[in-house]
Amino acid sequence: MIGVPVGDDAALLREAQTAWRAGDHAAAAAALAVVLTAQDPYTAPASWALVEAALLWTRLYLRGDDAPLAAVAWCGYAQDAAVKLGGLRHPIVLRAARLLAAVHTVRGEHADAYDSHSTVVAALSSTDLDGACRAGALADLAAHAAGRCTEAIAHLTAVWQAWQPCHDTADPAGLFYVYRLTAMLAACGRHDEARQRFRDAIPALPPAHTPQRFAERAEARLVLEQTCRGHDLVCRRQVGARYRRRPAPTGAVRAVTCAELLP
């Protein structure tokens, strides 16, 4: 590992990494605890060994639906320290920013997740346009989850429209954008627009009744359900409808989405 100093921290990090690869998460956590317990993520010096230890610790404690506050602190340390040590475009900065976005997302901190995805966009914008576009789509998804629906949908629509002329309509990479744009529209109750947008994906879908088509359907359903879940609580369009005595019960948009949008 380039740039990691030789010493106790590096040895313990290697021990933790070996345990992680072997599936022994308890042993990995024990080794990392020795490295991190003596440090404060807000004042620790920039060190590649500490950066890698912080990232591995975050991965250990990142669950599918939650993450401890310490994961925010240590992953934030890893990102900031990696910038100091390697510059904004260093691969470890991108890895830390993506992981930090995932931590914020499972904690429901969508505005912070947007900032982390935006860090990835800034780092890739001059070297990897496709990667920057994908990170931008995830940033839009986070903005949408934070209630900035109109802005997020407009931006992702513009990204999708700019992406299309540069790629074949059958390019499956476009599904990444369509699924998320469709989900955002559906979550806001804009079902006709969502149906029309999903039709854009049909040329890129695998043949009907194949395992690949079923896998894509499952992926689209997952994105739709995650995006719709609880969105009516922050969606300005739906909150406004409730104040005008046109209620939009939690879950109603999601049920319509899964039943009507997926081919």
C-alpha atoms as a PDB file:
ATOM      1  CA  MET A   1       0.000   0.000   0.000  1.00  0.00           C
ATOM      2  CA  ILE A   2       1.800   3.132  -1.247  1.00  0.00           C
ATOM      3  CA  GLY A   3       2.479   5.790   1.355  1.00  0.00           C
ATOM      4  CA  VAL A   4       1.564   3.725   4.452  1.00  0.00           C
ATOM      5  CA  PRO A   5       4.266   4.164   7.113  1.00  0.00           C
ATOM      6  CA  VAL A   6       5.931   1.182   8.698  1.00  0.00           C
ATOM      7  CA  GLY A   7       4.989   0.881  12.376  1.00  0.00           C
ATOM      8  CA  ASP A   8       2.434  -0.421  14.814  1.00  0.00           C
ATOM      9  CA  ASP A   9      -0.521   1.212  13.055  1.00  0.00           C
ATOM     10  CA  ALA A  10       0.469  -0.268   9.704  1.00  0.00           C
ATOM     11  CA  ALA A  11       0.923  -3.732  11.223  1.00  0.00           C
ATOM     12  CA  LEU A  12      -2.436  -3.587  12.950  1.00  0.00           C
ATOM     13  CA  LEU A  13      -4.042  -2.352   9.756  1.00  0.00           C
ATOM     14  CA  ARG A  14      -2.643  -5.319   7.841  1.00  0.00           C
ATOM     15  CA  GLU A  15      -3.946  -7.616  10.566  1.00  0.00           C
ATOM     16  CA  ALA A  16      -7.403  -6.031  10.293  1.00  0.00           C
ATOM     17  CA  GLN A  17      -7.411  -6.269   6.505  1.00  0.00           C
ATOM     18  CA  THR A  18      -6.419  -9.943   6.628  1.00  0.00           C
ATOM     19  CA  ALA A  19      -9.206 -10.675   9.132  1.00  0.00           C
ATOM     20  CA  TRP A  20     -11.712  -8.713   6.996  1.00  0.00           C
ATOM     21  CA  ARG A  21     -10.846 -10.706   3.874  1.00  0.00           C
ATOM     22  CA  ALA A  22     -11.210 -13.926   5.875  1.00  0.00           C
ATOM     23  CA  GLY A  23     -14.666 -12.863   7.040  1.00  0.00           C
ATOM     24  CA  ASP A  24     -13.586 -12.509  10.675  1.00  0.00           C
ATOM     25  CA  HIS A  25     -15.137  -9.114  11.323  1.00  0.00           C
ATOM     26  CA  ALA A  26     -14.756  -9.360  15.100  1.00  0.00           C
ATOM     27  CA  ALA A  27     -10.974  -9.767  14.794  1.00  0.00           C
ATOM     28  CA  ALA A  28     -10.840  -6.929  12.270  1.00  0.00           C
ATOM     29  CA  ALA A  29     -12.786  -4.658  14.613  1.00  0.00           C
ATOM     30  CA  ALA A  30     -10.501  -5.543  17.522  1.00  0.00           C
ATOM     31  CA  ALA A  31      -7.362  -4.662  15.561  1.00  0.00           C
ATOM     32  CA  LEU A  32      -8.859  -1.417  14.293  1.00  0.00           C
ATOM     33  CA  ALA A  33      -9.959  -0.449  17.806  1.00  0.00           C
ATOM     34  CA  VAL A  34      -6.333  -0.455  18.924  1.00  0.00           C
ATOM     35  CA  VAL A  35      -5.453   1.938  16.097  1.00  0.00           C
ATOM     36  CA  LEU A  36      -8.419   4.287  16.410  1.00  0.00           C
ATOM     37  CA  THR A  37      -9.202   4.390  20.127  1.00  0.00           C
ATOM     38  CA  ALA A  38      -6.135   6.498  20.877  1.00  0.00           C
ATOM     39  CA  GLN A  39      -7.066   9.010  18.146  1.00  0.00           C
ATOM     40  CA  ASP A  40      -9.672  11.733  17.773  1.00  0.00           C
ATOM     41  CA  PRO A  41     -11.104  11.902  14.234  1.00  0.00           C
ATOM     42  CA  TYR A  42     -11.330  15.690  14.506  1.00  0.00           C
ATOM     43  CA  THR A  43      -7.691  16.249  15.483  1.00  0.00           C
ATOM     44  CA  ALA A  44      -5.802  13.149  14.246  1.00  0.00           C
ATOM     45  CA  PRO A  45      -2.846  13.810  11.946  1.00  0.00           C
ATOM     46  CA  ALA A  46      -3.143  12.911   8.277  1.00  0.00           C
ATOM     47  CA  SER A  47      -1.761   9.399   7.814  1.00  0.00           C
ATOM     48  CA  TRP A  48      -2.417   6.838   5.086  1.00  0.00           C
ATOM     49  CA  ALA A  49      -2.503   4.056   7.672  1.00  0.00           C
ATOM     50  CA  LEU A  50      -5.096   5.927   9.713  1.00  0.00           C
ATOM     51  CA  VAL A  51      -7.082   6.764   6.581  1.00  0.00           C
ATOM     52  CA  GLU A  52      -7.278   3.098   5.587  1.00  0.00           C
ATOM     53  CA  ALA A  53      -8.110   2.070   9.146  1.00  0.00           C
ATOM     54  CA  ALA A  54     -10.909   4.644   9.314  1.00  0.00           C
ATOM     55  CA  LEU A  55     -12.384   3.477   6.009  1.00  0.00           C
ATOM     56  CA  LEU A  56     -12.291  -0.187   6.989  1.00  0.00           C
ATOM     57  CA  TRP A  57     -13.828   0.598  10.395  1.00  0.00           C
ATOM     58  CA  THR A  58     -16.641   2.494   8.647  1.00  0.00           C
ATOM     59  CA  ARG A  59     -17.315  -0.448   6.341  1.00  0.00           C
ATOM     60  CA  LEU A  60     -17.468  -2.765   9.349  1.00  0.00           C
ATOM     61  CA  TYR A  61     -20.089  -0.658  11.103  1.00  0.00           C
ATOM     62  CA  LEU A  62     -22.120   0.462   8.086  1.00  0.00           C
ATOM     63  CA  ARG A  63     -25.354  -1.524   8.120  1.00  0.00           C
ATOM     64  CA  GLY A  64     -28.028  -1.675   5.465  1.00  0.00           C
ATOM     65  CA  ASP A  65     -30.278   0.681   7.393  1.00  0.00           C
ATOM     66  CA  ASP A  66     -28.041   2.439   9.912  1.00  0.00           C
ATOM     67  CA  ALA A  67     -24.549   3.609  10.808  1.00  0.00           C
ATOM     68  CA  PRO A  68     -23.161   5.051  14.050  1.00  0.00           C
ATOM     69  CA  LEU A  69     -22.316   8.739  14.328  1.00  0.00           C
ATOM     70  CA  ALA A  70     -18.666   7.772  14.720  1.00  0.00           C
ATOM     71  CA  ALA A  71     -18.767   6.435  11.155  1.00  0.00           C
ATOM     72  CA  VAL A  72     -19.516   9.957   9.951  1.00  0.00           C
ATOM     73  CA  ALA A  73     -16.591  11.337  11.937  1.00  0.00           C
ATOM     74  CA  TRP A  74     -14.054   8.721  10.873  1.00  0.00           C
ATOM     75  CA  CYS A  75     -15.087   8.616   7.245  1.00  0.00           C
ATOM     76  CA  GLY A  76     -15.010  12.418   7.162  1.00  0.00           C
ATOM     77  CA  TYR A  77     -11.502  12.284   8.623  1.00  0.00           C
ATOM     78  CA  ALA A  78     -10.460   9.788   5.929  1.00  0.00           C
ATOM     79  CA  GLN A  79     -11.734  12.022   3.141  1.00  0.00           C
ATOM     80  CA  ASP A  80     -10.114  15.200   4.486  1.00  0.00           C
ATOM     81  CA  ALA A  81      -6.819  13.497   5.298  1.00  0.00           C
ATOM     82  CA  ALA A  82      -6.652  11.823   1.883  1.00  0.00           C
ATOM     83  CA  VAL A  83      -7.144  15.222   0.230  1.00  0.00           C
ATOM     84  CA  LYS A  84      -4.216  16.602   2.247  1.00  0.00           C
ATOM     85  CA  LEU A  85      -2.006  13.627   1.437  1.00  0.00           C
ATOM     86  CA  GLY A  86      -2.898  12.953  -2.192  1.00  0.00           C
ATOM     87  CA  GLY A  87      -5.004  15.794  -3.564  1.00  0.00           C
ATOM     88  CA  LEU A  88      -8.679  16.026  -4.485  1.00  0.00           C
ATOM     89  CA  ARG A  89      -8.472  13.507  -7.339  1.00  0.00           C
ATOM     90  CA  HIS A  90      -6.683  10.748  -5.428  1.00  0.00           C
ATOM     91  CA  PRO A  91      -8.607   7.444  -5.730  1.00  0.00           C
ATOM     92  CA  ILE A  92      -8.837   7.110  -1.945  1.00  0.00           C
ATOM     93  CA  VAL A  93     -10.559  10.520  -1.754  1.00  0.00           C
ATOM     94  CA  LEU A  94     -13.204   9.214  -4.152  1.00  0.00           C
ATOM     95  CA  ARG A  95     -13.559   5.992  -2.177  1.00  0.00           C
ATOM     96  CA  ALA A  96     -13.956   7.925   1.082  1.00  0.00           C
ATOM     97  CA  ALA A  97     -16.470  10.365  -0.410  1.00  0.00           C
ATOM     98  CA  ARG A  98     -18.607   7.531  -1.814  1.00  0.00           C
ATOM     99  CA  LEU A  99     -18.519   5.694   1.503  1.00  0.00           C
ATOM    100  CA  LEU A 100     -19.350   8.861   3.423  1.00  0.00           C
ATOM    101  CA  ALA A 101     -22.320   9.438   1.108  1.00  0.00           C
ATOM    102  CA  ALA A 102     -23.538   5.908   1.874  1.00  0.00           C
ATOM    103  CA  VAL A 103     -23.188   6.541   5.623  1.00  0.00           C
ATOM    104  CA  HIS A 104     -25.150   9.788   5.418  1.00  0.00           C
ATOM    105  CA  THR A 105     -27.817   8.125   3.265  1.00  0.00           C
ATOM    106  CA  VAL A 106     -28.554   5.279   5.695  1.00  0.00           C
ATOM    107  CA  ARG A 107     -28.678   7.825   8.530  1.00  0.00           C
ATOM    108  CA  GLY A 108     -31.215   9.913   6.602  1.00  0.00           C
ATOM    109  CA  GLU A 109     -28.786  12.838   6.299  1.00  0.00           C
ATOM    110  CA  HIS A 110     -29.575  13.492   2.671  1.00  0.00           C
ATOM    111  CA  ALA A 111     -28.226  17.047   2.438  1.00  0.00           C
ATOM    112  CA  ASP A 112     -24.862  15.776   3.687  1.00  0.00           C
ATOM    113  CA  ALA A 113     -25.024  12.845   1.264  1.00  0.00           C
ATOM    114  CA  TYR A 114     -25.551  15.383  -1.532  1.00  0.00           C
ATOM    115  CA  ASP A 115     -22.365  17.204  -0.487  1.00  0.00           C
ATOM    116  CA  SER A 116     -20.378  13.954  -0.508  1.00  0.00           C
ATOM    117  CA  HIS A 117     -21.617  12.965  -3.964  1.00  0.00           C
ATOM    118  CA  SER A 118     -20.793  16.494  -5.160  1.00  0.00           C
ATOM    119  CA  THR A 119     -17.201  15.953  -4.002  1.00  0.00           C
ATOM    120  CA  VAL A 120     -17.014  12.956  -6.335  1.00  0.00           C
ATOM    121  CA  VAL A 121     -18.493  14.998  -9.190  1.00  0.00           C
ATOM    122  CA  ALA A 122     -15.882  17.730  -8.697  1.00  0.00           C
ATOM    123  CA  ALA A 123     -13.045  15.195  -8.605  1.00  0.00           C
ATOM    124  CA  LEU A 124     -14.138  13.412 -11.793  1.00  0.00           C
ATOM    125  CA  SER A 125     -15.504  16.281 -13.885  1.00  0.00           C
ATOM    126  CA  SER A 126     -12.305  16.859 -15.863  1.00  0.00           C
ATOM    127  CA  THR A 127     -11.127  13.254 -16.203  1.00  0.00           C
ATOM    128  CA  ASP A 128     -14.126  10.902 -16.236  1.00  0.00           C
ATOM    129  CA  LEU A 129     -17.296  12.445 -17.635  1.00  0.00           C
ATOM    130  CA  ASP A 130     -19.377   9.273 -17.348  1.00  0.00           C
ATOM    131  CA  GLY A 131     -18.264   8.775 -13.752  1.00  0.00           C
ATOM    132  CA  ALA A 132     -19.079  12.391 -12.955  1.00  0.00           C
ATOM    133  CA  CYS A 133     -22.529  11.994 -14.506  1.00  0.00           C
ATOM    134  CA  ARG A 134     -23.258   8.898 -12.420  1.00  0.00           C
ATOM    135  CA  ALA A 135     -22.113  10.656  -9.257  1.00  0.00           C
ATOM    136  CA  GLY A 136     -24.257  13.632 -10.249  1.00  0.00           C
ATOM    137  CA  ALA A 137     -27.284  11.357 -10.581  1.00  0.00           C
ATOM    138  CA  LEU A 138     -26.693  10.079  -7.061  1.00  0.00           C
ATOM    139  CA  ALA A 139     -26.338  13.661  -5.840  1.00  0.00           C
ATOM    140  CA  ASP A 140     -29.688  14.463  -7.475  1.00  0.00           C
ATOM    141  CA  LEU A 141     -31.244  11.464  -5.751  1.00  0.00           C
ATOM    142  CA  ALA A 142     -29.966  12.762  -2.399  1.00  0.00           C
ATOM    143  CA  ALA A 143     -31.264  16.275  -3.121  1.00  0.00           C
ATOM    144  CA  HIS A 144     -34.642  14.780  -4.018  1.00  0.00           C
ATOM    145  CA  ALA A 145     -34.716  12.817  -0.754  1.00  0.00           C
ATOM    146  CA  ALA A 146     -34.013  16.064   1.094  1.00  0.00           C
ATOM    147  CA  GLY A 147     -37.112  17.652  -0.469  1.00  0.00           C
ATOM    148  CA  ARG A 148     -35.412  19.569  -3.276  1.00  0.00           C
ATOM    149  CA  CYS A 149     -37.580  17.705  -5.770  1.00  0.00           C
ATOM    150  CA  THR A 150     -38.003  20.213  -8.604  1.00  0.00           C
ATOM    151  CA  GLU A 151     -34.307  21.084  -8.674  1.00  0.00           C
ATOM    152  CA  ALA A 152     -33.200  17.435  -8.565  1.00  0.00           C
ATOM    153  CA  ILE A 153     -35.593  16.256 -11.270  1.00  0.00           C
ATOM    154  CA  ALA A 154     -34.711  19.164 -13.563  1.00  0.00           C
ATOM    155  CA  HIS A 155     -30.982  18.570 -13.174  1.00  0.00           C
ATOM    156  CA  LEU A 156     -31.130  14.803 -13.719  1.00  0.00           C
ATOM    157  CA  THR A 157     -33.411  15.320 -16.722  1.00  0.00           C
ATOM    158  CA  ALA A 158     -30.794  17.660 -18.216  1.00  0.00           C
ATOM    159  CA  VAL A 159     -28.016  15.129 -17.505  1.00  0.00           C
ATOM    160  CA  TRP A 160     -30.039  12.338 -19.123  1.00  0.00           C
ATOM    161  CA  GLN A 161     -30.818  14.444 -22.184  1.00  0.00           C
ATOM    162  CA  ALA A 162     -27.137  15.365 -22.570  1.00  0.00           C
ATOM    163  CA  TRP A 163     -26.105  11.713 -22.118  1.00  0.00           C
ATOM    164  CA  GLN A 164     -28.419  10.330 -24.806  1.00  0.00           C
ATOM    165  CA  PRO A 165     -26.870  11.856 -27.972  1.00  0.00           C
ATOM    166  CA  CYS A 166     -23.445  10.511 -26.965  1.00  0.00           C
ATOM    167  CA  HIS A 167     -24.590   6.925 -26.439  1.00  0.00           C
ATOM    168  CA  ASP A 168     -26.620   4.291 -28.243  1.00  0.00           C
ATOM    169  CA  THR A 169     -30.238   3.973 -27.133  1.00  0.00           C
ATOM    170  CA  ALA A 170     -29.563   0.291 -26.406  1.00  0.00           C
ATOM    171  CA  ASP A 171     -26.627   1.073 -24.095  1.00  0.00           C
ATOM    172  CA  PRO A 172     -27.587  -0.537 -20.757  1.00  0.00           C
ATOM    173  CA  ALA A 173     -25.601   2.122 -18.880  1.00  0.00           C
ATOM    174  CA  GLY A 174     -28.523   4.464 -19.529  1.00  0.00           C
ATOM    175  CA  LEU A 175     -30.747   2.376 -17.270  1.00  0.00           C
ATOM    176  CA  PHE A 176     -28.896   3.793 -14.266  1.00  0.00           C
ATOM    177  CA  TYR A 177     -30.247   7.267 -15.064  1.00  0.00           C
ATOM    178  CA  VAL A 178     -33.708   6.214 -16.209  1.00  0.00           C
ATOM    179  CA  TYR A 179     -34.426   4.176 -13.083  1.00  0.00           C
ATOM    180  CA  ARG A 180     -33.516   7.076 -10.818  1.00  0.00           C
ATOM    181  CA  LEU A 181     -35.316   9.733 -12.833  1.00  0.00           C
ATOM    182  CA  THR A 182     -38.415   7.559 -13.058  1.00  0.00           C
ATOM    183  CA  ALA A 183     -38.276   6.920  -9.320  1.00  0.00           C
ATOM    184  CA  MET A 184     -38.053  10.611  -8.483  1.00  0.00           C
ATOM    185  CA  LEU A 185     -40.981  11.486 -10.725  1.00  0.00           C
ATOM    186  CA  ALA A 186     -43.074   8.652  -9.310  1.00  0.00           C
ATOM    187  CA  ALA A 187     -42.219   9.567  -5.719  1.00  0.00           C
ATOM    188  CA  CYS A 188     -43.592  13.050  -6.393  1.00  0.00           C
ATOM    189  CA  GLY A 189     -46.811  11.597  -7.797  1.00  0.00           C
ATOM    190  CA  ARG A 190     -45.954  12.559 -11.394  1.00  0.00           C
ATOM    191  CA  HIS A 191     -46.973   9.150 -12.734  1.00  0.00           C
ATOM    192  CA  ASP A 192     -47.658  10.037 -16.368  1.00  0.00           C
ATOM    193  CA  GLU A 193     -44.204  11.587 -16.705  1.00  0.00           C
ATOM    194  CA  ALA A 194     -42.647   8.619 -14.924  1.00  0.00           C
ATOM    195  CA  ARG A 195     -44.320   6.156 -17.290  1.00  0.00           C
ATOM    196  CA  GLN A 196     -43.149   8.136 -20.309  1.00  0.00           C
ATOM    197  CA  ARG A 197     -39.602   8.320 -18.972  1.00  0.00           C
ATOM    198  CA  PHE A 198     -39.500   4.597 -18.282  1.00  0.00           C
ATOM    199  CA  ARG A 199     -40.391   3.958 -21.912  1.00  0.00           C
ATOM    200  CA  ASP A 200     -37.010   5.505 -22.738  1.00  0.00           C
ATOM    201  CA  ALA A 201     -35.391   2.500 -21.062  1.00  0.00           C
ATOM    202  CA  ILE A 202     -37.131  -0.196 -23.083  1.00  0.00           C
ATOM    203  CA  PRO A 203     -34.545  -0.358 -25.933  1.00  0.00           C
ATOM    204  CA  ALA A 204     -31.783  -0.952 -23.383  1.00  0.00           C
ATOM    205  CA  LEU A 205     -33.608  -3.686 -21.469  1.00  0.00           C
ATOM    206  CA  PRO A 206     -32.704  -7.364 -22.045  1.00  0.00           C
ATOM    207  CA  PRO A 207     -35.242  -9.503 -23.929  1.00  0.00           C
ATOM    208  CA  ALA A 208     -38.497 -10.186 -22.124  1.00  0.00           C
ATOM    209  CA  HIS A 209     -38.873 -13.344 -20.002  1.00  0.00           C
ATOM    210  CA  THR A 210     -35.107 -13.801 -19.571  1.00  0.00           C
ATOM    211  CA  PRO A 211     -33.199 -13.954 -16.265  1.00  0.00           C
ATOM    212  CA  GLN A 212     -31.461 -10.708 -17.237  1.00  0.00           C
ATOM    213  CA  ARG A 213     -34.805  -8.966 -17.717  1.00  0.00           C
ATOM    214  CA  PHE A 214     -36.030 -10.199 -14.332  1.00  0.00           C
ATOM    215  CA  ALA A 215     -32.792  -8.936 -12.735  1.00  0.00           C
ATOM    216  CA  GLU A 216     -33.291  -5.494 -14.279  1.00  0.00           C
ATOM    217  CA  ARG A 217     -36.892  -5.452 -13.103  1.00  0.00           C
ATOM    218  CA  ALA A 218     -35.734  -6.224  -9.573  1.00  0.00           C
ATOM    219  CA  GLU A 219     -33.147  -3.434  -9.719  1.00  0.00           C
ATOM    220  CA  ALA A 220     -35.699  -0.922 -11.005  1.00  0.00           C
ATOM    221  CA  ARG A 221     -38.197  -1.966  -8.350  1.00  0.00           C
ATOM    222  CA  LEU A 222     -35.590  -1.555  -5.594  1.00  0.00           C
ATOM    223  CA  VAL A 223     -34.663   1.971  -6.739  1.00  0.00           C
ATOM    224  CA  LEU A 224     -38.330   2.927  -7.033  1.00  0.00           C
ATOM    225  CA  GLU A 225     -39.266   1.598  -3.604  1.00  0.00           C
ATOM    226  CA  GLN A 226     -36.275   3.173  -1.862  1.00  0.00           C
ATOM    227  CA  THR A 227     -36.920   6.542  -3.500  1.00  0.00           C
ATOM    228  CA  CYS A 228     -40.655   6.545  -2.790  1.00  0.00           C
ATOM    229  CA  ARG A 229     -40.426   5.348   0.810  1.00  0.00           C
ATOM    230  CA  GLY A 230     -41.592   8.219   3.016  1.00  0.00           C
ATOM    231  CA  HIS A 231     -40.992  10.837   0.344  1.00  0.00           C
ATOM    232  CA  ASP A 232     -44.487  12.277   0.747  1.00  0.00           C
ATOM    233  CA  LEU A 233     -43.311  13.632   4.121  1.00  0.00           C
ATOM    234  CA  VAL A 234     -40.781  15.977   2.473  1.00  0.00           C
ATOM    235  CA  CYS A 235     -42.174  16.384  -1.044  1.00  0.00           C
ATOM    236  CA  ARG A 236     -43.351  19.965  -1.446  1.00  0.00           C
ATOM    237  CA  ARG A 237     -45.820  18.934  -4.121  1.00  0.00           C
ATOM    238  CA  GLN A 238     -47.506  16.332  -1.915  1.00  0.00           C
ATOM    239  CA  VAL A 239     -47.272  18.316   1.321  1.00  0.00           C
ATOM    240  CA  GLY A 240     -48.953  21.183  -0.524  1.00  0.00           C
ATOM    241  CA  ALA A 241     -51.662  18.813  -1.707  1.00  0.00           C
ATOM    242  CA  ARG A 242     -52.363  17.760   1.891  1.00  0.00           C
ATOM    243  CA  TYR A 243     -52.739  21.368   2.965  1.00  0.00           C
ATOM    244  CA  ARG A 244     -55.239  21.792   0.119  1.00  0.00           C
ATOM    245  CA  ARG A 245     -57.163  18.821   1.606  1.00  0.00           C
ATOM    246  CA  ARG A 246     -56.077  16.397  -1.100  1.00  0.00           C
ATOM    247  CA  PRO A 247     -54.257  13.829   1.037  1.00  0.00           C
ATOM    248  CA  ALA A 248     -51.466  11.648  -0.337  1.00  0.00           C
ATOM    249  CA  PRO A 249     -51.128   8.807   2.212  1.00  0.00           C
ATOM    250  CA  THR A 250     -47.718   7.343   2.871  1.00  0.00           C
ATOM    251  CA  GLY A 251     -47.197   4.309   0.620  1.00  0.00           C
ATOM    252  CA  ALA A 252     -49.853   5.164  -1.975  1.00  0.00           C
ATOM    253  CA  VAL A 253     -47.379   6.495  -4.509  1.00  0.00           C
ATOM    254  CA  ARG A 254     -45.079   3.527  -4.019  1.00  0.00           C
ATOM    255  CA  ALA A 255     -47.835   0.954  -4.643  1.00  0.00           C
ATOM    256  CA  VAL A 256     -48.927   2.658  -7.860  1.00  0.00           C
ATOM    257  CA  THR A 257     -45.325   2.912  -9.010  1.00  0.00           C
ATOM    258  CA  CYS A 258     -44.525  -0.787  -8.709  1.00  0.00           C
ATOM    259  CA  ALA A 259     -47.833  -1.881 -10.196  1.00  0.00           C
ATOM    260  CA  GLU A 260     -47.921   0.415 -13.192  1.00  0.00           C
ATOM    261  CA  LEU A 261     -44.420   1.476 -14.189  1.00  0.00           C
ATOM    262  CA  LEU A 262     -42.346  -1.678 -14.536  1.00  0.00           C
ATOM    263  CA  PRO A 263     -42.629  -3.566 -17.826  1.00  0.00           C
END
